[in-house]
Amino acid sequence: MVDIINKIKDAVMSGQADQIQALVKEALAADVKASDILKEGFIAVMDEVGEKMSKDEIFIPEVLAAAKTMQTGLDLLKPYLVESESEYTGKVVIGSVKGDVHDIGKNMVCMMFEGAGFEVIDLGVNVPDEEFVENVKNQQPQILALSSLYTPTMLAMKDVIDALTDAGLRDKVKIIVGGAPVTQLFADDIGADGYAPDASKAVLKAKELLGN
């Protein structure tokens, strides 16, 4: 098992998206459990990717390539994970706030969350306050992640938090905010539970908030 898991990790780290599904199939054919492929392969290597990114040992293009490769393998693995009822880290609802149509950073955060074992509900971009509220109510996520890459839309994050408060749902979910113009001070000012400057730190902050 160790050999094929290491091959999977190497493929993800080097961004070999064209090889990852064949390696996942090889692992499954060798009776490696889907949950082991997820935890020992994908989650472990994305933790390494996050650590390397935080140390400036790799940069956004390499992280995106690794995340894309992981996602390609995860697409094949998901049905097997459902069958095995593999434990997951938690559920995240994520979206770019109203008025913001940027999605590259958000998409990378989504892939990093999935690589860390989270179930991700991606609402997309330009998401109205009421849609966030509806999904917190119906999906009951542990984490709500709000993205803004455009300074004029930052205050829409506060609008979402206010809407959740008005709906009596604020204490039901931990809220993480992020994006280029967002800061820890801003997160504190609007009453968010956490701030993350990049995708890898978003996962770390989510795990911290959940006590993992």
Protein backbone atom coordinates (compact mmCIF):
# COMPACT_ATOMS: atom_id res chain seq x y z
CA MET A 1 0.00 0.00 0.00
CA VAL A 2 2.78 2.41 0.90
CA ASP A 3 4.26 2.34 -2.60
CA ILE A 4 1.05 3.24 -4.44
CA ILE A 5 0.12 5.87 -1.85
CA ASN A 6 3.52 7.48 -2.32
CA LYS A 7 3.00 7.48 -6.09
CA ILE A 8 -0.34 9.25 -5.58
CA LYS A 9 1.28 11.83 -3.30
CA ASP A 10 4.11 12.41 -5.77
CA ALA A 11 1.63 12.87 -8.63
CA VAL A 12 -0.38 15.44 -6.67
CA MET A 13 2.69 17.32 -5.47
CA SER A 14 4.07 17.54 -9.01
CA GLY A 15 0.68 18.38 -10.56
CA GLN A 16 0.42 15.27 -12.78
CA ALA A 17 -3.33 15.46 -13.35
CA ASP A 18 -3.09 13.16 -16.37
CA GLN A 19 -1.78 10.31 -14.22
CA ILE A 20 -3.73 10.59 -10.99
CA GLN A 21 -6.89 8.69 -11.95
CA ALA A 22 -4.86 5.73 -13.21
CA LEU A 23 -3.00 5.67 -9.89
CA VAL A 24 -6.25 5.85 -7.91
CA LYS A 25 -7.65 2.96 -9.98
CA GLU A 26 -4.45 1.00 -9.36
CA ALA A 27 -4.78 1.57 -5.62
CA LEU A 28 -8.44 0.53 -5.57
CA ALA A 29 -7.62 -2.59 -7.63
CA ALA A 30 -5.00 -3.44 -5.03
CA ASP A 31 -7.74 -3.32 -2.37
CA VAL A 32 -6.49 -0.12 -0.78
CA LYS A 33 -9.45 1.40 1.07
CA ALA A 34 -10.89 4.59 -0.39
CA SER A 35 -10.65 6.21 3.05
CA ASP A 36 -6.93 5.36 3.18
CA ILE A 37 -6.36 6.88 -0.26
CA LEU A 38 -8.13 10.01 0.96
CA LYS A 39 -6.36 10.32 4.31
CA GLU A 40 -2.89 8.90 3.59
CA GLY A 41 -2.74 10.20 0.03
CA PHE A 42 -4.76 13.31 -0.71
CA ILE A 43 -5.16 14.86 2.74
CA ALA A 44 -1.56 14.14 3.73
CA VAL A 45 -0.09 15.61 0.55
CA MET A 46 -2.32 18.69 0.59
CA ASP A 47 -1.17 19.30 4.16
CA GLU A 48 2.37 19.23 2.78
CA VAL A 49 1.37 21.58 -0.04
CA GLY A 50 -0.14 24.00 2.47
CA GLU A 51 2.98 23.89 4.63
CA LYS A 52 5.27 24.49 1.65
CA MET A 53 3.09 27.38 0.50
CA SER A 54 3.19 29.01 3.95
CA LYS A 55 7.00 28.80 3.85
CA ASP A 56 7.14 30.24 0.31
CA GLU A 57 8.72 27.00 -0.92
CA ILE A 58 6.04 26.72 -3.61
CA PHE A 59 3.75 29.35 -5.09
CA ILE A 60 0.22 29.81 -6.45
CA PRO A 61 0.78 28.07 -9.84
CA GLU A 62 2.18 24.95 -8.14
CA VAL A 63 -0.57 24.98 -5.53
CA LEU A 64 -3.25 25.27 -8.21
CA ALA A 65 -1.69 22.40 -10.19
CA ALA A 66 -1.57 20.21 -7.07
CA ALA A 67 -5.16 21.11 -6.13
CA LYS A 68 -6.40 20.40 -9.65
CA THR A 69 -4.66 17.03 -9.64
CA MET A 70 -6.11 16.18 -6.23
CA GLN A 71 -9.58 17.21 -7.44
CA THR A 72 -9.26 14.99 -10.53
CA GLY A 73 -8.41 12.02 -8.34
CA LEU A 74 -11.07 12.90 -5.79
CA ASP A 75 -13.76 12.96 -8.50
CA LEU A 76 -13.01 9.29 -9.16
CA LEU A 77 -12.74 8.43 -5.47
CA LYS A 78 -15.95 10.08 -4.21
CA PRO A 79 -18.38 7.24 -5.06
CA TYR A 80 -16.18 4.80 -3.15
CA LEU A 81 -16.02 7.13 -0.17
CA VAL A 82 -19.82 7.35 -0.09
CA GLU A 83 -20.08 3.57 -0.25
CA SER A 84 -17.62 3.15 2.62
CA GLU A 85 -19.25 5.98 4.59
CA SER A 86 -15.83 7.46 5.15
CA GLU A 87 -15.67 9.99 7.96
CA TYR A 88 -15.19 13.55 6.87
CA THR A 89 -13.74 16.50 8.68
CA GLY A 90 -16.88 18.64 8.47
CA LYS A 91 -19.11 20.56 6.10
CA VAL A 92 -18.28 23.94 4.58
CA VAL A 93 -20.58 26.33 2.76
CA ILE A 94 -18.54 28.80 0.72
CA GLY A 95 -19.17 31.63 -1.72
CA SER A 96 -18.06 35.03 -2.95
CA VAL A 97 -20.28 37.70 -1.41
CA LYS A 98 -22.83 39.82 -3.26
CA GLY A 99 -21.24 42.06 -5.88
CA ASP A 100 -18.03 40.01 -6.11
CA VAL A 101 -17.59 37.84 -9.21
CA HIS A 102 -14.05 36.62 -8.57
CA ASP A 103 -13.71 32.87 -8.16
CA ILE A 104 -10.08 31.76 -8.65
CA GLY A 105 -9.11 32.18 -5.00
CA LYS A 106 -12.43 30.76 -3.81
CA ASN A 107 -12.05 27.74 -6.07
CA MET A 108 -8.60 27.04 -4.68
CA VAL A 109 -9.97 27.25 -1.13
CA CYS A 110 -12.71 24.77 -2.14
CA MET A 111 -10.14 22.30 -3.47
CA MET A 112 -7.97 22.63 -0.37
CA PHE A 113 -10.99 22.01 1.85
CA GLU A 114 -11.97 18.91 -0.13
CA GLY A 115 -8.38 17.69 0.02
CA ALA A 116 -8.55 18.03 3.81
CA GLY A 117 -11.65 15.83 4.00
CA PHE A 118 -14.36 18.48 4.18
CA GLU A 119 -17.65 18.26 2.33
CA VAL A 120 -17.87 21.51 0.35
CA ILE A 121 -21.05 23.28 -0.75
CA ASP A 122 -19.87 25.92 -3.25
CA LEU A 123 -22.49 28.61 -3.84
CA GLY A 124 -20.40 30.33 -6.50
CA VAL A 125 -19.98 34.08 -6.90
CA ASN A 126 -22.15 37.16 -6.32
CA VAL A 127 -24.11 35.27 -3.67
CA PRO A 128 -26.98 37.22 -2.02
CA ASP A 129 -27.17 37.37 1.78
CA GLU A 130 -30.38 35.37 1.84
CA GLU A 131 -28.78 32.50 -0.08
CA PHE A 132 -26.05 32.20 2.54
CA VAL A 133 -28.71 32.26 5.27
CA GLU A 134 -30.82 29.64 3.50
CA ASN A 135 -27.85 27.29 3.11
CA VAL A 136 -26.71 27.69 6.71
CA LYS A 137 -30.26 26.81 7.76
CA ASN A 138 -30.73 23.87 5.39
CA GLN A 139 -27.20 22.46 5.01
CA GLN A 140 -26.22 23.00 8.66
CA PRO A 141 -22.50 23.41 7.94
CA GLN A 142 -19.91 23.73 10.67
CA ILE A 143 -18.07 26.40 8.65
CA LEU A 144 -19.27 29.29 6.47
CA ALA A 145 -16.47 30.73 4.31
CA LEU A 146 -16.98 34.17 2.75
CA SER A 147 -14.74 35.50 -0.01
CA SER A 148 -14.21 39.05 -1.27
CA LEU A 149 -11.44 40.01 -3.67
CA TYR A 150 -12.85 43.44 -4.43
CA THR A 151 -12.64 46.17 -1.78
CA PRO A 152 -16.12 47.68 -2.38
CA THR A 153 -17.73 44.29 -1.66
CA MET A 154 -16.03 43.71 1.68
CA LEU A 155 -18.90 45.18 3.68
CA ALA A 156 -21.20 42.57 2.13
CA MET A 157 -19.50 40.12 4.50
CA LYS A 158 -20.89 42.09 7.44
CA ASP A 159 -24.31 42.06 5.75
CA VAL A 160 -24.20 38.25 5.67
CA ILE A 161 -23.26 38.06 9.35
CA ASP A 162 -26.02 40.54 10.24
CA ALA A 163 -28.53 38.52 8.20
CA LEU A 164 -27.54 35.34 10.03
CA THR A 165 -27.94 37.15 13.35
CA ASP A 166 -31.40 38.39 12.36
CA ALA A 167 -32.36 34.84 11.36
CA GLY A 168 -31.22 33.46 14.73
CA LEU A 169 -28.49 31.35 13.06
CA ARG A 170 -25.30 33.23 13.90
CA ASP A 171 -24.34 30.91 16.74
CA LYS A 172 -24.96 27.82 14.60
CA VAL A 173 -21.90 28.22 12.37
CA LYS A 174 -18.29 29.38 12.48
CA ILE A 175 -17.56 32.10 9.91
CA ILE A 176 -14.22 32.50 8.14
CA VAL A 177 -13.52 35.45 5.85
CA GLY A 178 -10.76 35.95 3.33
CA GLY A 179 -9.64 37.60 0.10
CA ALA A 180 -6.98 40.05 -1.02
CA PRO A 181 -8.33 43.21 0.71
CA VAL A 182 -9.49 41.42 3.88
CA THR A 183 -7.47 41.66 7.09
CA GLN A 184 -7.62 40.23 10.60
CA LEU A 185 -8.69 43.64 11.89
CA PHE A 186 -11.59 43.76 9.43
CA ALA A 187 -12.61 40.21 10.38
CA ASP A 188 -12.65 41.23 14.05
CA ASP A 189 -14.62 44.40 13.30
CA ILE A 190 -17.44 42.57 11.48
CA GLY A 191 -17.65 39.76 14.03
CA ALA A 192 -16.23 36.88 12.01
CA ASP A 193 -14.81 33.90 13.88
CA GLY A 194 -11.67 33.70 11.79
CA TYR A 195 -9.58 35.18 9.00
CA ALA A 196 -7.37 33.38 6.50
CA PRO A 197 -4.94 35.10 4.12
CA ASP A 198 -4.72 32.10 1.78
CA ALA A 199 -6.23 28.71 0.99
CA SER A 200 -3.96 26.59 3.15
CA LYS A 201 -4.49 28.83 6.18
CA ALA A 202 -8.27 28.70 5.60
CA VAL A 203 -8.15 24.94 6.16
CA LEU A 204 -5.95 25.33 9.23
CA LYS A 205 -8.27 27.99 10.66
CA ALA A 206 -11.35 25.82 10.01
CA LYS A 207 -9.75 22.85 11.77
CA GLU A 208 -8.75 25.10 14.65
CA LEU A 209 -12.30 26.45 15.02
CA LEU A 210 -13.66 22.90 15.02
CA GLY A 211 -11.10 21.74 17.56
CA ASN A 212 -9.37 19.37 15.10
